Amino acid sequence: MKKVSIITVNYNQPGATEALLESIFNTNTYFSLEIIVVDNGSDINPLHPWKIKYPAVNFIRSETNLGFAGGSNLGIREAIGDYIFLVHNDTEFTEELIDKLVETLDEHPEVGVVSPKVRYFDRPDILQYAGNAKVNYYSGRNNCIGQYEKDNGQYDDLTGETGYLHGSAMMVRKEVVRKTGGLPELYFLYYAEMDWSEQIRNSGYKVWVNMQALIYHKESMSQTGRTAMKEYFLNRNRILFVRRNCPTKTQIVFWPYFILIVATRNTLNYIRQGKWSFVAVLFKAIIWNMVNTIYSPRLGYDVSKNQYPDKN
């Protein structure tokens, strides 16, 4: 039996993290486990009461917010499992979730990482993820398969290769982590799991979804919370993903498309909505990519000046 290290990252959400831990304890049927919780510089350090309440859990504290990728990598460095299961702290487990993902990796040595089917927690019959289409390199866009559809089993036959992982739940071989160096931390928020999917494929492994394994995600279907930080990283990292992973010939098309069409459309929408701060961060995201040289695994140059992004 392979040992599985479950890793989650907490940032100012102690209630969500405790609910996740309870769901693991209440549903788990897989016995070779370790659980690691990384507190990512929360305003109030929750580790002391947690260590008393959950003595079987390994808690790690970072005094600064390292982002999703950095916090996950901090946990990975402490993990002893053969398989690493990275989960968002706002997820809840179902029975045999771990067993089915382990089965995928055990039976398919060519698979480096696998995500389960994801449904919305507030609408438990509605899909959030049944796999991902590959990114269109010319536009930097892709589609999440099945999102917002009622789950009638229509995608259950899709178990197998998929375009990208779902960041809320990813089980990866420890050897794959060693080869890829873990999640790319320069993204901080958003797109890290998509970039990692590309690097895992480039390392000779397949990226899978297992539609017989299920997890619930508490990201609401109607979530409209938009902040300047979110807009900044969504725009900045969309460009960054293309720069790191897409052929030069497609980037020649992407840049005019993004600046002339996407940036113009977004700016007009922000102005109509009175979101003037969003206009500023949009152009900050574009300028960041223009002035910062980055490492491109596809193009093979490495003159990076910014392993970690600004967090403003």
C-alpha atoms as a PDB file:
ATOM      1  CA  MET A   1       0.000   0.000   0.000  1.00  0.00           C
ATOM      2  CA  LYS A   2       1.449   3.334  -1.109  1.00  0.00           C
ATOM      3  CA  LYS A   3       1.596   6.078   1.522  1.00  0.00           C
ATOM      4  CA  VAL A   4      -0.424   9.205   0.659  1.00  0.00           C
ATOM      5  CA  SER A   5       0.419  12.661   1.985  1.00  0.00           C
ATOM      6  CA  ILE A   6      -2.617  14.966   2.010  1.00  0.00           C
ATOM      7  CA  ILE A   7      -1.537  18.612   1.919  1.00  0.00           C
ATOM      8  CA  THR A   8      -3.746  21.672   2.280  1.00  0.00           C
ATOM      9  CA  VAL A   9      -2.985  25.359   2.753  1.00  0.00           C
ATOM     10  CA  ASN A  10      -4.839  27.639   5.181  1.00  0.00           C
ATOM     11  CA  TYR A  11      -4.932  31.419   4.927  1.00  0.00           C
ATOM     12  CA  ASN A  12      -7.342  33.167   7.320  1.00  0.00           C
ATOM     13  CA  GLN A  13      -9.959  30.406   6.899  1.00  0.00           C
ATOM     14  CA  PRO A  14      -9.722  28.252  10.037  1.00  0.00           C
ATOM     15  CA  GLY A  15     -13.364  27.188   9.843  1.00  0.00           C
ATOM     16  CA  ALA A  16     -13.000  25.874   6.281  1.00  0.00           C
ATOM     17  CA  THR A  17      -9.796  24.039   7.164  1.00  0.00           C
ATOM     18  CA  GLU A  18     -11.389  22.358  10.179  1.00  0.00           C
ATOM     19  CA  ALA A  19     -14.386  21.310   8.060  1.00  0.00           C
ATOM     20  CA  LEU A  20     -11.976  19.738   5.550  1.00  0.00           C
ATOM     21  CA  LEU A  21     -10.153  17.826   8.292  1.00  0.00           C
ATOM     22  CA  GLU A  22     -13.435  16.543   9.687  1.00  0.00           C
ATOM     23  CA  SER A  23     -14.533  15.399   6.216  1.00  0.00           C
ATOM     24  CA  ILE A  24     -11.266  13.494   5.783  1.00  0.00           C
ATOM     25  CA  PHE A  25     -11.659  11.754   9.144  1.00  0.00           C
ATOM     26  CA  ASN A  26     -15.350  10.983   8.521  1.00  0.00           C
ATOM     27  CA  THR A  27     -15.019   9.518   5.016  1.00  0.00           C
ATOM     28  CA  ASN A  28     -11.548   8.025   4.825  1.00  0.00           C
ATOM     29  CA  THR A  29     -11.175   4.323   4.110  1.00  0.00           C
ATOM     30  CA  TYR A  30      -7.491   4.481   3.133  1.00  0.00           C
ATOM     31  CA  PHE A  31      -5.197   3.844   6.075  1.00  0.00           C
ATOM     32  CA  SER A  32      -1.671   4.694   4.934  1.00  0.00           C
ATOM     33  CA  LEU A  33      -1.984   8.453   5.299  1.00  0.00           C
ATOM     34  CA  GLU A  34      -0.320  11.535   6.642  1.00  0.00           C
ATOM     35  CA  ILE A  35      -2.086  14.906   6.754  1.00  0.00           C
ATOM     36  CA  ILE A  36      -0.163  18.164   6.497  1.00  0.00           C
ATOM     37  CA  VAL A  37      -1.712  21.608   6.993  1.00  0.00           C
ATOM     38  CA  VAL A  38       0.349  24.647   6.031  1.00  0.00           C
ATOM     39  CA  ASP A  39      -0.735  27.937   7.567  1.00  0.00           C
ATOM     40  CA  ASN A  40       0.229  30.561   5.017  1.00  0.00           C
ATOM     41  CA  GLY A  41       0.924  33.529   7.281  1.00  0.00           C
ATOM     42  CA  SER A  42      -2.631  33.951   8.607  1.00  0.00           C
ATOM     43  CA  ASP A  43      -3.262  37.134  10.621  1.00  0.00           C
ATOM     44  CA  ILE A  44      -3.898  35.004  13.711  1.00  0.00           C
ATOM     45  CA  ASN A  45      -1.737  31.905  14.068  1.00  0.00           C
ATOM     46  CA  PRO A  46      -4.165  28.959  14.485  1.00  0.00           C
ATOM     47  CA  LEU A  47      -1.581  26.232  15.033  1.00  0.00           C
ATOM     48  CA  HIS A  48      -1.571  26.031  18.840  1.00  0.00           C
ATOM     49  CA  PRO A  49      -5.283  25.115  19.258  1.00  0.00           C
ATOM     50  CA  TRP A  50      -5.147  22.898  16.157  1.00  0.00           C
ATOM     51  CA  LYS A  51      -2.243  20.852  17.506  1.00  0.00           C
ATOM     52  CA  ILE A  52      -4.305  20.146  20.608  1.00  0.00           C
ATOM     53  CA  LYS A  53      -7.485  19.334  18.674  1.00  0.00           C
ATOM     54  CA  TYR A  54      -5.836  17.322  15.876  1.00  0.00           C
ATOM     55  CA  PRO A  55      -2.711  15.647  17.314  1.00  0.00           C
ATOM     56  CA  ALA A  56      -2.386  13.276  14.331  1.00  0.00           C
ATOM     57  CA  VAL A  57      -1.990  16.158  11.854  1.00  0.00           C
ATOM     58  CA  ASN A  58       1.354  17.727  10.943  1.00  0.00           C
ATOM     59  CA  PHE A  59       0.986  21.526  11.095  1.00  0.00           C
ATOM     60  CA  ILE A  60       3.501  23.884   9.486  1.00  0.00           C
ATOM     61  CA  ARG A  61       3.537  27.659   9.849  1.00  0.00           C
ATOM     62  CA  SER A  62       4.901  30.124   7.296  1.00  0.00           C
ATOM     63  CA  GLU A  63       5.202  33.640   8.655  1.00  0.00           C
ATOM     64  CA  THR A  64       4.505  35.090   5.191  1.00  0.00           C
ATOM     65  CA  ASN A  65       1.862  34.339   2.584  1.00  0.00           C
ATOM     66  CA  LEU A  66       3.651  32.243  -0.040  1.00  0.00           C
ATOM     67  CA  GLY A  67       0.599  31.900  -2.273  1.00  0.00           C
ATOM     68  CA  PHE A  68      -1.099  28.647  -3.239  1.00  0.00           C
ATOM     69  CA  ALA A  69       1.949  27.234  -5.014  1.00  0.00           C
ATOM     70  CA  GLY A  70       4.512  28.305  -2.419  1.00  0.00           C
ATOM     71  CA  GLY A  71       2.435  27.075   0.512  1.00  0.00           C
ATOM     72  CA  SER A  72       1.808  23.742  -1.223  1.00  0.00           C
ATOM     73  CA  ASN A  73       5.508  23.322  -1.986  1.00  0.00           C
ATOM     74  CA  LEU A  74       6.348  24.023   1.650  1.00  0.00           C
ATOM     75  CA  GLY A  75       4.112  21.103   2.620  1.00  0.00           C
ATOM     76  CA  ILE A  76       5.529  18.902  -0.148  1.00  0.00           C
ATOM     77  CA  ARG A  77       9.049  19.367   1.216  1.00  0.00           C
ATOM     78  CA  GLU A  78       7.894  17.858   4.532  1.00  0.00           C
ATOM     79  CA  ALA A  79       5.844  15.033   2.973  1.00  0.00           C
ATOM     80  CA  ILE A  80       6.978  11.409   3.205  1.00  0.00           C
ATOM     81  CA  GLY A  81       4.254   9.882   1.028  1.00  0.00           C
ATOM     82  CA  ASP A  82       4.756   8.065  -2.273  1.00  0.00           C
ATOM     83  CA  TYR A  83       1.782  10.034  -3.587  1.00  0.00           C
ATOM     84  CA  ILE A  84       1.048  13.665  -2.738  1.00  0.00           C
ATOM     85  CA  PHE A  85      -2.608  14.753  -2.650  1.00  0.00           C
ATOM     86  CA  LEU A  86      -2.879  18.544  -2.836  1.00  0.00           C
ATOM     87  CA  VAL A  87      -6.337  19.827  -1.903  1.00  0.00           C
ATOM     88  CA  HIS A  88      -7.834  23.260  -1.325  1.00  0.00           C
ATOM     89  CA  ASN A  89      -8.977  23.818   2.237  1.00  0.00           C
ATOM     90  CA  ASP A  90     -12.492  24.659   0.986  1.00  0.00           C
ATOM     91  CA  THR A  91     -13.118  21.126  -0.285  1.00  0.00           C
ATOM     92  CA  GLU A  92     -14.875  18.164   1.311  1.00  0.00           C
ATOM     93  CA  PHE A  93     -13.974  14.526   0.731  1.00  0.00           C
ATOM     94  CA  THR A  94     -16.240  11.655  -0.287  1.00  0.00           C
ATOM     95  CA  GLU A  95     -15.863   7.956   0.512  1.00  0.00           C
ATOM     96  CA  GLU A  96     -13.158   6.120  -1.434  1.00  0.00           C
ATOM     97  CA  LEU A  97     -11.892   9.367  -2.975  1.00  0.00           C
ATOM     98  CA  ILE A  98      -8.300   8.565  -2.030  1.00  0.00           C
ATOM     99  CA  ASP A  99      -8.649   4.859  -2.833  1.00  0.00           C
ATOM    100  CA  LYS A 100      -9.796   5.554  -6.388  1.00  0.00           C
ATOM    101  CA  LEU A 101      -7.086   8.093  -7.131  1.00  0.00           C
ATOM    102  CA  VAL A 102      -4.421   5.766  -5.693  1.00  0.00           C
ATOM    103  CA  GLU A 103      -5.809   2.990  -7.895  1.00  0.00           C
ATOM    104  CA  THR A 104      -5.298   5.179 -10.958  1.00  0.00           C
ATOM    105  CA  LEU A 105      -1.632   5.802 -10.160  1.00  0.00           C
ATOM    106  CA  ASP A 106      -1.021   2.194  -9.113  1.00  0.00           C
ATOM    107  CA  GLU A 107      -2.523   0.711 -12.281  1.00  0.00           C
ATOM    108  CA  HIS A 108      -1.222   3.280 -14.764  1.00  0.00           C
ATOM    109  CA  PRO A 109       2.508   3.969 -14.286  1.00  0.00           C
ATOM    110  CA  GLU A 110       2.449   6.355 -17.250  1.00  0.00           C
ATOM    111  CA  VAL A 111       0.117   8.703 -15.323  1.00  0.00           C
ATOM    112  CA  GLY A 112       2.004  11.303 -13.309  1.00  0.00           C
ATOM    113  CA  VAL A 113      -0.933  13.142 -11.761  1.00  0.00           C
ATOM    114  CA  VAL A 114      -4.700  12.781 -11.525  1.00  0.00           C
ATOM    115  CA  SER A 115      -7.617  14.998 -10.479  1.00  0.00           C
ATOM    116  CA  PRO A 116     -11.070  13.733  -9.460  1.00  0.00           C
ATOM    117  CA  LYS A 117     -14.442  14.898 -10.673  1.00  0.00           C
ATOM    118  CA  VAL A 118     -15.348  18.156  -8.891  1.00  0.00           C
ATOM    119  CA  ARG A 119     -18.877  19.244  -7.983  1.00  0.00           C
ATOM    120  CA  TYR A 120     -20.051  22.452  -6.315  1.00  0.00           C
ATOM    121  CA  PHE A 121     -20.656  22.033  -2.596  1.00  0.00           C
ATOM    122  CA  ASP A 122     -23.615  24.443  -2.553  1.00  0.00           C
ATOM    123  CA  ARG A 123     -25.215  22.651  -5.534  1.00  0.00           C
ATOM    124  CA  PRO A 124     -24.021  19.075  -5.054  1.00  0.00           C
ATOM    125  CA  ASP A 125     -25.553  17.764  -8.275  1.00  0.00           C
ATOM    126  CA  ILE A 126     -23.785  20.378 -10.443  1.00  0.00           C
ATOM    127  CA  LEU A 127     -20.383  19.823 -12.020  1.00  0.00           C
ATOM    128  CA  GLN A 128     -17.493  22.224 -11.682  1.00  0.00           C
ATOM    129  CA  TYR A 129     -14.890  20.057 -13.407  1.00  0.00           C
ATOM    130  CA  ALA A 130     -14.951  16.959 -15.587  1.00  0.00           C
ATOM    131  CA  GLY A 131     -11.597  17.647 -17.215  1.00  0.00           C
ATOM    132  CA  ASN A 132     -10.146  20.579 -19.125  1.00  0.00           C
ATOM    133  CA  ALA A 133      -9.640  21.348 -22.791  1.00  0.00           C
ATOM    134  CA  LYS A 134      -6.152  22.431 -23.818  1.00  0.00           C
ATOM    135  CA  VAL A 135      -5.417  26.156 -23.985  1.00  0.00           C
ATOM    136  CA  ASN A 136      -5.757  27.862 -27.343  1.00  0.00           C
ATOM    137  CA  TYR A 137      -2.242  29.243 -27.648  1.00  0.00           C
ATOM    138  CA  TYR A 138      -3.389  32.117 -29.843  1.00  0.00           C
ATOM    139  CA  SER A 139      -5.911  33.465 -27.318  1.00  0.00           C
ATOM    140  CA  GLY A 140      -4.721  32.011 -24.011  1.00  0.00           C
ATOM    141  CA  ARG A 141      -8.206  30.656 -23.316  1.00  0.00           C
ATOM    142  CA  ASN A 142      -9.581  27.188 -22.639  1.00  0.00           C
ATOM    143  CA  ASN A 143     -12.813  25.532 -21.505  1.00  0.00           C
ATOM    144  CA  CYS A 144     -13.539  23.578 -18.345  1.00  0.00           C
ATOM    145  CA  ILE A 145     -15.531  20.526 -19.413  1.00  0.00           C
ATOM    146  CA  GLY A 146     -18.967  20.095 -17.850  1.00  0.00           C
ATOM    147  CA  GLN A 147     -18.921  23.236 -15.701  1.00  0.00           C
ATOM    148  CA  TYR A 148     -22.394  24.321 -14.487  1.00  0.00           C
ATOM    149  CA  GLU A 149     -24.033  21.193 -15.937  1.00  0.00           C
ATOM    150  CA  LYS A 150     -26.111  18.778 -13.871  1.00  0.00           C
ATOM    151  CA  ASP A 151     -24.114  15.608 -13.342  1.00  0.00           C
ATOM    152  CA  ASN A 152     -26.076  12.771 -14.921  1.00  0.00           C
ATOM    153  CA  GLY A 153     -22.969  10.719 -15.558  1.00  0.00           C
ATOM    154  CA  GLN A 154     -22.636  12.157 -19.059  1.00  0.00           C
ATOM    155  CA  TYR A 155     -18.874  12.606 -18.680  1.00  0.00           C
ATOM    156  CA  ASP A 156     -18.035   9.513 -16.643  1.00  0.00           C
ATOM    157  CA  ASP A 157     -16.513   7.837 -19.696  1.00  0.00           C
ATOM    158  CA  LEU A 158     -13.949  10.665 -19.913  1.00  0.00           C
ATOM    159  CA  THR A 159     -11.738   9.009 -17.293  1.00  0.00           C
ATOM    160  CA  GLY A 160      -8.301   9.237 -18.866  1.00  0.00           C
ATOM    161  CA  GLU A 161      -6.110  11.980 -20.284  1.00  0.00           C
ATOM    162  CA  THR A 162      -7.193  15.597 -19.875  1.00  0.00           C
ATOM    163  CA  GLY A 163      -5.804  18.997 -20.732  1.00  0.00           C
ATOM    164  CA  TYR A 164      -5.194  20.317 -17.228  1.00  0.00           C
ATOM    165  CA  LEU A 165      -5.565  19.485 -13.570  1.00  0.00           C
ATOM    166  CA  HIS A 166      -8.077  21.106 -11.267  1.00  0.00           C
ATOM    167  CA  GLY A 167      -6.220  23.057  -8.603  1.00  0.00           C
ATOM    168  CA  SER A 168      -8.662  22.109  -5.853  1.00  0.00           C
ATOM    169  CA  ALA A 169      -7.597  18.438  -5.926  1.00  0.00           C
ATOM    170  CA  MET A 170      -4.471  16.878  -7.508  1.00  0.00           C
ATOM    171  CA  MET A 171      -2.772  13.587  -6.602  1.00  0.00           C
ATOM    172  CA  VAL A 172       0.784  13.423  -7.935  1.00  0.00           C
ATOM    173  CA  ARG A 173       3.642  10.948  -7.706  1.00  0.00           C
ATOM    174  CA  LYS A 174       6.522  12.070  -5.489  1.00  0.00           C
ATOM    175  CA  GLU A 175       8.932  11.262  -8.325  1.00  0.00           C
ATOM    176  CA  VAL A 176       7.059  13.704 -10.578  1.00  0.00           C
ATOM    177  CA  VAL A 177       7.501  16.432  -7.972  1.00  0.00           C
ATOM    178  CA  ARG A 178      11.243  15.741  -7.958  1.00  0.00           C
ATOM    179  CA  LYS A 179      11.443  15.978 -11.749  1.00  0.00           C
ATOM    180  CA  THR A 180       9.347  19.138 -12.120  1.00  0.00           C
ATOM    181  CA  GLY A 181      10.388  20.954  -8.963  1.00  0.00           C
ATOM    182  CA  GLY A 182       6.811  21.211  -7.692  1.00  0.00           C
ATOM    183  CA  LEU A 183       4.238  23.873  -8.451  1.00  0.00           C
ATOM    184  CA  PRO A 184       5.708  26.943 -10.231  1.00  0.00           C
ATOM    185  CA  GLU A 185       5.736  29.614  -7.534  1.00  0.00           C
ATOM    186  CA  LEU A 186       6.081  32.620  -9.818  1.00  0.00           C
ATOM    187  CA  TYR A 187       2.306  32.492 -10.441  1.00  0.00           C
ATOM    188  CA  PHE A 188       1.426  33.019  -6.746  1.00  0.00           C
ATOM    189  CA  LEU A 189      -2.333  32.755  -7.523  1.00  0.00           C
ATOM    190  CA  TYR A 190      -4.116  31.180 -10.521  1.00  0.00           C
ATOM    191  CA  TYR A 191      -2.693  29.237 -13.486  1.00  0.00           C
ATOM    192  CA  ALA A 192      -0.036  27.396 -11.421  1.00  0.00           C
ATOM    193  CA  GLU A 193      -1.774  24.027 -11.843  1.00  0.00           C
ATOM    194  CA  MET A 194      -2.150  24.610 -15.595  1.00  0.00           C
ATOM    195  CA  ASP A 195       1.541  25.389 -15.991  1.00  0.00           C
ATOM    196  CA  TRP A 196       2.398  22.382 -13.822  1.00  0.00           C
ATOM    197  CA  SER A 197       0.267  20.172 -16.091  1.00  0.00           C
ATOM    198  CA  GLU A 198       2.393  21.303 -19.032  1.00  0.00           C
ATOM    199  CA  GLN A 199       5.643  20.577 -17.177  1.00  0.00           C
ATOM    200  CA  ILE A 200       4.434  17.138 -16.078  1.00  0.00           C
ATOM    201  CA  ARG A 201       3.590  16.233 -19.685  1.00  0.00           C
ATOM    202  CA  ASN A 202       6.958  17.579 -20.826  1.00  0.00           C
ATOM    203  CA  SER A 203       8.582  15.243 -18.264  1.00  0.00           C
ATOM    204  CA  GLY A 204       7.055  12.228 -20.010  1.00  0.00           C
ATOM    205  CA  TYR A 205       3.966  11.611 -17.869  1.00  0.00           C
ATOM    206  CA  LYS A 206       0.262  11.787 -18.620  1.00  0.00           C
ATOM    207  CA  VAL A 207      -2.246  14.088 -16.899  1.00  0.00           C
ATOM    208  CA  TRP A 208      -5.512  12.341 -16.046  1.00  0.00           C
ATOM    209  CA  VAL A 209      -8.954  12.901 -14.606  1.00  0.00           C
ATOM    210  CA  ASN A 210     -10.697  10.060 -12.755  1.00  0.00           C
ATOM    211  CA  MET A 211     -14.445  10.549 -13.095  1.00  0.00           C
ATOM    212  CA  GLN A 212     -15.195   7.775 -10.594  1.00  0.00           C
ATOM    213  CA  ALA A 213     -13.538   9.793  -7.808  1.00  0.00           C
ATOM    214  CA  LEU A 214     -15.485  12.771  -6.450  1.00  0.00           C
ATOM    215  CA  ILE A 215     -14.717  15.831  -4.338  1.00  0.00           C
ATOM    216  CA  TYR A 216     -16.935  18.805  -3.433  1.00  0.00           C
ATOM    217  CA  HIS A 217     -15.627  22.355  -3.761  1.00  0.00           C
ATOM    218  CA  LYS A 218     -17.077  25.241  -1.760  1.00  0.00           C
ATOM    219  CA  GLU A 219     -16.427  27.794  -4.480  1.00  0.00           C
ATOM    220  CA  SER A 220     -19.970  29.030  -5.086  1.00  0.00           C
ATOM    221  CA  MET A 221     -21.547  28.779  -8.526  1.00  0.00           C
ATOM    222  CA  SER A 222     -22.729  32.362  -8.121  1.00  0.00           C
ATOM    223  CA  GLN A 223     -19.447  33.669  -6.729  1.00  0.00           C
ATOM    224  CA  THR A 224     -18.989  37.253  -7.916  1.00  0.00           C
ATOM    225  CA  GLY A 225     -16.257  38.355  -5.543  1.00  0.00           C
ATOM    226  CA  ARG A 226     -13.835  40.322  -7.690  1.00  0.00           C
ATOM    227  CA  THR A 227     -10.921  42.211  -6.257  1.00  0.00           C
ATOM    228  CA  ALA A 228      -8.115  44.233  -7.789  1.00  0.00           C
ATOM    229  CA  MET A 229      -5.658  41.527  -6.701  1.00  0.00           C
ATOM    230  CA  LYS A 230      -7.701  38.798  -8.410  1.00  0.00           C
ATOM    231  CA  GLU A 231      -7.992  40.802 -11.640  1.00  0.00           C
ATOM    232  CA  TYR A 232      -4.270  41.518 -11.558  1.00  0.00           C
ATOM    233  CA  PHE A 233      -3.183  37.901 -11.209  1.00  0.00           C
ATOM    234  CA  LEU A 234      -5.778  36.521 -13.650  1.00  0.00           C
ATOM    235  CA  ASN A 235      -4.558  38.899 -16.361  1.00  0.00           C
ATOM    236  CA  ARG A 236      -0.875  38.771 -15.474  1.00  0.00           C
ATOM    237  CA  ASN A 237      -0.778  34.992 -15.259  1.00  0.00           C
ATOM    238  CA  ARG A 238      -2.755  34.396 -18.440  1.00  0.00           C
ATOM    239  CA  ILE A 239      -0.027  36.259 -20.304  1.00  0.00           C
ATOM    240  CA  LEU A 240       2.683  34.574 -18.241  1.00  0.00           C
ATOM    241  CA  PHE A 241       1.329  31.109 -19.064  1.00  0.00           C
ATOM    242  CA  VAL A 242       1.455  31.849 -22.774  1.00  0.00           C
ATOM    243  CA  ARG A 243       4.980  33.256 -22.501  1.00  0.00           C
ATOM    244  CA  ARG A 244       6.262  30.172 -20.662  1.00  0.00           C
ATOM    245  CA  ASN A 245       4.468  27.453 -22.568  1.00  0.00           C
ATOM    246  CA  CYS A 246       3.447  28.535 -26.052  1.00  0.00           C
ATOM    247  CA  PRO A 247       5.505  28.537 -29.274  1.00  0.00           C
ATOM    248  CA  THR A 248       6.954  31.851 -30.426  1.00  0.00           C
ATOM    249  CA  LYS A 249       4.815  31.898 -33.578  1.00  0.00           C
ATOM    250  CA  THR A 250       1.604  31.803 -31.523  1.00  0.00           C
ATOM    251  CA  GLN A 251       2.849  34.533 -29.180  1.00  0.00           C
ATOM    252  CA  ILE A 252       3.195  36.824 -32.185  1.00  0.00           C
ATOM    253  CA  VAL A 253      -0.579  36.495 -32.578  1.00  0.00           C
ATOM    254  CA  PHE A 254      -1.411  36.414 -28.865  1.00  0.00           C
ATOM    255  CA  TRP A 255       0.149  39.750 -27.898  1.00  0.00           C
ATOM    256  CA  PRO A 256      -1.795  41.936 -30.403  1.00  0.00           C
ATOM    257  CA  TYR A 257      -4.962  39.955 -29.616  1.00  0.00           C
ATOM    258  CA  PHE A 258      -4.612  40.494 -25.883  1.00  0.00           C
ATOM    259  CA  ILE A 259      -3.692  44.179 -26.021  1.00  0.00           C
ATOM    260  CA  LEU A 260      -6.051  45.283 -28.819  1.00  0.00           C
ATOM    261  CA  ILE A 261      -9.065  43.098 -28.035  1.00  0.00           C
ATOM    262  CA  VAL A 262      -8.911  41.693 -24.501  1.00  0.00           C
ATOM    263  CA  ALA A 263      -7.402  44.732 -22.765  1.00  0.00           C
ATOM    264  CA  THR A 264      -9.687  47.132 -24.665  1.00  0.00           C
ATOM    265  CA  ARG A 265     -12.802  45.102 -23.874  1.00  0.00           C
ATOM    266  CA  ASN A 266     -11.855  44.673 -20.211  1.00  0.00           C
ATOM    267  CA  THR A 267     -11.031  48.378 -19.822  1.00  0.00           C
ATOM    268  CA  LEU A 268     -14.408  49.425 -21.230  1.00  0.00           C
ATOM    269  CA  ASN A 269     -16.191  46.942 -18.949  1.00  0.00           C
ATOM    270  CA  TYR A 270     -14.267  48.157 -15.886  1.00  0.00           C
ATOM    271  CA  ILE A 271     -15.132  51.796 -16.691  1.00  0.00           C
ATOM    272  CA  ARG A 272     -18.820  50.967 -17.173  1.00  0.00           C
ATOM    273  CA  GLN A 273     -18.808  49.199 -13.797  1.00  0.00           C
ATOM    274  CA  GLY A 274     -16.944  52.041 -12.102  1.00  0.00           C
ATOM    275  CA  LYS A 275     -14.014  49.724 -11.316  1.00  0.00           C
ATOM    276  CA  TRP A 276     -11.236  52.233 -11.979  1.00  0.00           C
ATOM    277  CA  SER A 277      -8.731  50.346  -9.833  1.00  0.00           C
ATOM    278  CA  PHE A 278      -9.177  47.333 -12.128  1.00  0.00           C
ATOM    279  CA  VAL A 279      -8.044  49.416 -15.105  1.00  0.00           C
ATOM    280  CA  ALA A 280      -4.810  50.230 -13.293  1.00  0.00           C
ATOM    281  CA  VAL A 281      -4.042  46.608 -12.358  1.00  0.00           C
ATOM    282  CA  LEU A 282      -4.828  45.397 -15.877  1.00  0.00           C
ATOM    283  CA  PHE A 283      -2.137  47.613 -17.321  1.00  0.00           C
ATOM    284  CA  LYS A 284       0.158  46.776 -14.420  1.00  0.00           C
ATOM    285  CA  ALA A 285      -0.265  43.089 -15.371  1.00  0.00           C
ATOM    286  CA  ILE A 286       0.634  43.811 -19.005  1.00  0.00           C
ATOM    287  CA  ILE A 287       3.641  45.953 -18.113  1.00  0.00           C
ATOM    288  CA  TRP A 288       4.928  43.333 -15.658  1.00  0.00           C
ATOM    289  CA  ASN A 289       5.125  40.834 -18.507  1.00  0.00           C
ATOM    290  CA  MET A 290       6.787  43.337 -20.803  1.00  0.00           C
ATOM    291  CA  VAL A 291       9.616  44.252 -18.438  1.00  0.00           C
ATOM    292  CA  ASN A 292      10.265  40.949 -16.658  1.00  0.00           C
ATOM    293  CA  THR A 293      12.202  38.216 -18.404  1.00  0.00           C
ATOM    294  CA  ILE A 294      11.058  34.765 -17.303  1.00  0.00           C
ATOM    295  CA  TYR A 295      12.175  31.174 -17.664  1.00  0.00           C
ATOM    296  CA  SER A 296      10.444  29.355 -20.507  1.00  0.00           C
ATOM    297  CA  PRO A 297      10.581  25.540 -20.289  1.00  0.00           C
ATOM    298  CA  ARG A 298       9.449  25.345 -23.922  1.00  0.00           C
ATOM    299  CA  LEU A 299      11.889  27.884 -25.350  1.00  0.00           C
ATOM    300  CA  GLY A 300      14.742  26.824 -23.110  1.00  0.00           C
ATOM    301  CA  TYR A 301      16.112  30.131 -21.882  1.00  0.00           C
ATOM    302  CA  ASP A 302      16.716  30.869 -18.223  1.00  0.00           C
ATOM    303  CA  VAL A 303      17.494  34.465 -17.365  1.00  0.00           C
ATOM    304  CA  SER A 304      14.775  34.915 -14.776  1.00  0.00           C
ATOM    305  CA  LYS A 305      14.920  37.964 -12.530  1.00  0.00           C
ATOM    306  CA  ASN A 306      11.657  37.265 -10.688  1.00  0.00           C
ATOM    307  CA  GLN A 307      11.066  33.865  -9.159  1.00  0.00           C
ATOM    308  CA  TYR A 308       8.386  35.373  -6.956  1.00  0.00           C
ATOM    309  CA  PRO A 309       5.903  38.041  -8.089  1.00  0.00           C
ATOM    310  CA  ASP A 310       5.069  41.258  -6.343  1.00  0.00           C
ATOM    311  CA  LYS A 311       2.093  40.696  -4.062  1.00  0.00           C
ATOM    312  CA  ASN A 312       0.569  44.179  -4.169  1.00  0.00           C
END
